[in-house]
Amino acid sequence: MAKTRPGVPSKIKTGRKELDSYTIKGTNKVVRAGECVLMRPSDAGKPPYVARVEKIEADARNNVKVHCRWYYRPEESLGGRRQFHGAKELFLSDHFDVQSGHTIEGKCIVHTFKNYTRLENVGAEDYYCRFEYKAATGAFTPDRVAVYCKCEMPRGVIIFLARIVSKQRAKTNTRI
C-alpha cells in the first residue's frame, strides 16, 4: 500500500472501535500502538515502508485500519541520501496516514542513534532515527549535526565506526 501525500487528510468514518492490538496476518506477532512496523510497498521491488503505529481501529465489518506516522529513508527526503546517513537511518516525519492492517509485514525497532550505537548485534529489524522531517517543506529538526573531523562525518558516526574497528582489532589480535 502506497503512502498518501503529506498534508492530505485521510477520511475518517464513524462506527469504528479502537483496538488494543492487532495480530499480523500469517504470524503470531502482535502489534500495539506506539510500536513500529514494516508496511508492504505497492512496488514489490522496493524495501518495506517503516511506520509507527499511533492507533488501531476496526469497523463494523471487523476491517482493521492502522493509523500510522511514517518514517522516511534519506533517499525519500527532498535532500536525498548524504554521505553521513547510515544504511539503517530513518527520519520520523510529520506525515500521518491510515492503512489497512493487512499491509503490515512485520515488526521492527527504531532506536535513538545513541542506543543504536550501543547494540551488540544489529538485526535486520533494527533501525535508528536522529532527525524529524517535515515532508511538505523538507525541513529537518535538528537542522544540523555536529561535525568534529575533517572527514565531515558527524561525531556519532565516527564513534560508532571506531567501536566497530576496535571490536574487529580485538578479534584478530591475540596475545602470545
Protein backbone atom coordinates (compact mmCIF):
# COMPACT_ATOMS: atom_id res chain seq x y z
CA MET A 1 0.00 0.00 0.00
CA ALA A 2 1.48 3.33 -1.02
CA LYS A 3 1.83 6.26 1.33
CA THR A 4 -0.65 9.08 0.82
CA ARG A 5 0.60 12.55 0.07
CA PRO A 6 1.56 14.60 3.15
CA GLY A 7 -0.95 17.24 4.05
CA VAL A 8 -3.87 15.33 2.51
CA PRO A 9 -6.19 14.30 5.34
CA SER A 10 -7.33 10.70 5.47
CA LYS A 11 -11.07 10.03 5.53
CA ILE A 12 -12.31 9.09 8.97
CA LYS A 13 -15.54 7.14 9.23
CA THR A 14 -17.76 6.75 12.22
CA GLY A 15 -18.72 3.42 13.80
CA ARG A 16 -15.16 2.34 14.45
CA LYS A 17 -13.90 0.85 17.68
CA GLU A 18 -10.37 1.30 18.95
CA LEU A 19 -8.37 -1.90 19.46
CA ASP A 20 -5.56 -2.57 21.95
CA SER A 21 -3.64 -4.74 19.50
CA TYR A 22 -3.58 -6.44 16.10
CA THR A 23 -2.07 -9.80 15.17
CA ILE A 24 -0.13 -9.60 11.90
CA LYS A 25 -1.79 -11.82 9.30
CA GLY A 26 0.01 -15.16 8.89
CA THR A 27 2.12 -14.71 12.03
CA ASN A 28 1.74 -14.75 15.79
CA LYS A 29 3.28 -11.26 16.13
CA VAL A 30 1.11 -8.76 17.97
CA VAL A 31 1.31 -5.03 17.22
CA ARG A 32 0.25 -2.32 19.67
CA ALA A 33 0.04 1.46 19.45
CA GLY A 34 3.48 3.01 19.87
CA GLU A 35 5.31 0.13 18.17
CA CYS A 36 7.00 0.28 14.76
CA VAL A 37 6.05 -1.88 11.82
CA LEU A 38 7.17 -2.73 8.30
CA MET A 39 4.49 -1.97 5.72
CA ARG A 40 4.25 -3.65 2.33
CA PRO A 41 5.06 -1.22 -0.52
CA SER A 42 2.92 -1.17 -3.67
CA ASP A 43 6.09 -1.82 -5.72
CA ALA A 44 7.46 -5.26 -4.82
CA GLY A 45 11.00 -4.13 -5.76
CA LYS A 46 11.12 -1.51 -3.00
CA PRO A 47 12.04 -2.11 0.64
CA PRO A 48 9.14 -2.06 3.10
CA TYR A 49 7.98 1.25 4.46
CA VAL A 50 8.53 1.87 8.18
CA ALA A 51 5.81 3.42 10.32
CA ARG A 52 4.99 3.97 13.99
CA VAL A 53 1.50 2.77 14.91
CA GLU A 54 -0.47 5.58 16.51
CA LYS A 55 -3.86 3.86 16.83
CA ILE A 56 -5.59 0.65 15.69
CA GLU A 57 -9.29 0.60 14.78
CA ALA A 58 -11.83 -1.88 13.43
CA ASP A 59 -15.03 -1.02 11.61
CA ALA A 60 -18.39 -2.79 11.92
CA ARG A 61 -17.20 -5.46 9.45
CA ASN A 62 -14.03 -6.02 11.50
CA ASN A 63 -11.77 -4.48 8.85
CA VAL A 64 -8.70 -3.28 10.73
CA LYS A 65 -7.26 0.15 9.98
CA VAL A 66 -3.93 1.29 11.38
CA HIS A 67 -3.29 4.98 11.99
CA CYS A 68 0.42 5.45 11.46
CA ARG A 69 3.17 8.04 11.37
CA TRP A 70 5.67 7.41 8.59
CA TYR A 71 9.42 7.23 8.80
CA TYR A 72 11.27 8.31 5.66
CA ARG A 73 14.56 6.89 4.39
CA PRO A 74 17.16 9.52 3.44
CA GLU A 75 16.67 8.83 -0.29
CA GLU A 76 12.93 9.56 0.12
CA SER A 77 13.60 13.04 1.53
CA LEU A 78 13.98 16.23 -0.51
CA GLY A 79 17.73 16.45 0.19
CA GLY A 80 18.34 12.80 -0.67
CA ARG A 81 20.90 10.45 0.86
CA ARG A 82 24.07 12.18 2.10
CA GLN A 83 27.48 10.73 2.94
CA PHE A 84 26.85 10.73 6.68
CA HIS A 85 23.48 8.93 6.55
CA GLY A 86 23.69 5.39 7.80
CA ALA A 87 22.26 2.42 5.91
CA LYS A 88 19.65 1.89 8.66
CA GLU A 89 18.87 5.57 9.26
CA LEU A 90 15.28 6.83 9.15
CA PHE A 91 13.63 10.23 9.69
CA LEU A 92 10.44 10.49 11.75
CA SER A 93 8.08 12.55 9.61
CA ASP A 94 5.01 14.67 10.22
CA HIS A 95 3.21 12.51 7.63
CA PHE A 96 0.28 10.65 9.20
CA ASP A 97 -1.85 8.14 7.34
CA VAL A 98 -4.41 5.34 7.73
CA GLN A 99 -3.62 1.94 6.19
CA SER A 100 -5.23 -1.49 6.19
CA GLY A 101 -3.87 -3.84 8.85
CA HIS A 102 -3.23 -6.36 6.06
CA THR A 103 -0.37 -4.23 4.72
CA ILE A 104 1.73 -4.86 7.85
CA GLU A 105 4.54 -7.31 7.03
CA GLY A 106 6.27 -7.42 10.39
CA LYS A 107 7.56 -5.52 13.37
CA CYS A 108 10.77 -3.55 13.70
CA ILE A 109 12.54 -1.40 16.27
CA VAL A 110 13.55 2.21 15.64
CA HIS A 111 16.20 3.17 18.19
CA THR A 112 17.67 6.52 19.07
CA PHE A 113 21.10 6.90 17.47
CA LYS A 114 22.76 6.66 20.89
CA ASN A 115 21.02 3.37 21.71
CA TYR A 116 21.66 2.01 18.21
CA THR A 117 25.42 2.57 18.58
CA ARG A 118 25.35 0.53 21.80
CA LEU A 119 23.72 -2.54 20.23
CA GLU A 120 25.95 -5.61 20.39
CA ASN A 121 24.26 -7.18 17.35
CA VAL A 122 22.30 -5.11 14.85
CA GLY A 123 19.48 -7.20 13.41
CA ALA A 124 17.54 -6.81 10.19
CA GLU A 125 14.67 -5.30 12.21
CA ASP A 126 16.86 -2.62 13.87
CA TYR A 127 16.83 0.96 12.57
CA TYR A 128 17.70 4.33 14.09
CA CYS A 129 16.36 7.85 13.95
CA ARG A 130 18.07 11.11 14.92
CA PHE A 131 16.05 13.63 12.89
CA GLU A 132 12.44 14.65 12.49
CA TYR A 133 11.41 15.52 8.95
CA LYS A 134 8.69 17.84 7.68
CA ALA A 135 7.55 16.10 4.50
CA ALA A 136 5.86 19.13 2.91
CA THR A 137 8.82 21.50 3.31
CA GLY A 138 11.83 19.16 3.51
CA ALA A 139 12.95 20.75 6.79
CA PHE A 140 14.75 18.76 9.49
CA THR A 141 14.84 19.05 13.27
CA PRO A 142 17.56 19.45 14.39
CA ASP A 143 18.65 21.26 11.25
CA ARG A 144 22.33 20.38 11.65
CA VAL A 145 24.64 17.72 13.02
CA ALA A 146 27.82 18.45 14.98
CA VAL A 147 30.93 17.60 12.93
CA TYR A 148 34.22 17.02 14.72
CA CYS A 149 36.57 15.88 12.00
CA LYS A 150 37.97 16.89 8.60
CA CYS A 151 36.08 14.00 7.01
CA GLU A 152 32.85 15.93 7.79
CA MET A 153 31.24 12.87 9.32
CA PRO A 154 29.06 13.58 12.38
CA ARG A 155 30.64 12.77 15.72
CA GLY A 156 28.23 9.90 16.49
CA VAL A 157 29.04 8.11 13.24
CA ILE A 158 32.79 8.43 13.90
CA ILE A 159 32.38 6.96 17.41
CA PHE A 160 30.21 4.13 16.04
CA LEU A 161 32.75 3.31 13.30
CA ALA A 162 35.61 3.49 15.81
CA ARG A 163 33.83 0.94 18.02
CA ILE A 164 33.43 -1.42 15.07
CA VAL A 165 37.12 -1.11 14.16
CA SER A 166 38.09 -1.62 17.79
CA LYS A 167 35.96 -4.80 18.03
CA GLN A 168 37.48 -6.12 14.78
CA ARG A 169 41.01 -5.49 16.05
CA ALA A 170 40.21 -7.21 19.34
CA LYS A 171 39.02 -10.28 17.44
CA THR A 172 42.16 -10.50 15.29
CA ASN A 173 44.78 -9.60 17.92
CA THR A 174 45.83 -12.49 20.09
CA ARG A 175 48.38 -12.41 22.89
CA ILE A 176 51.49 -14.53 22.68
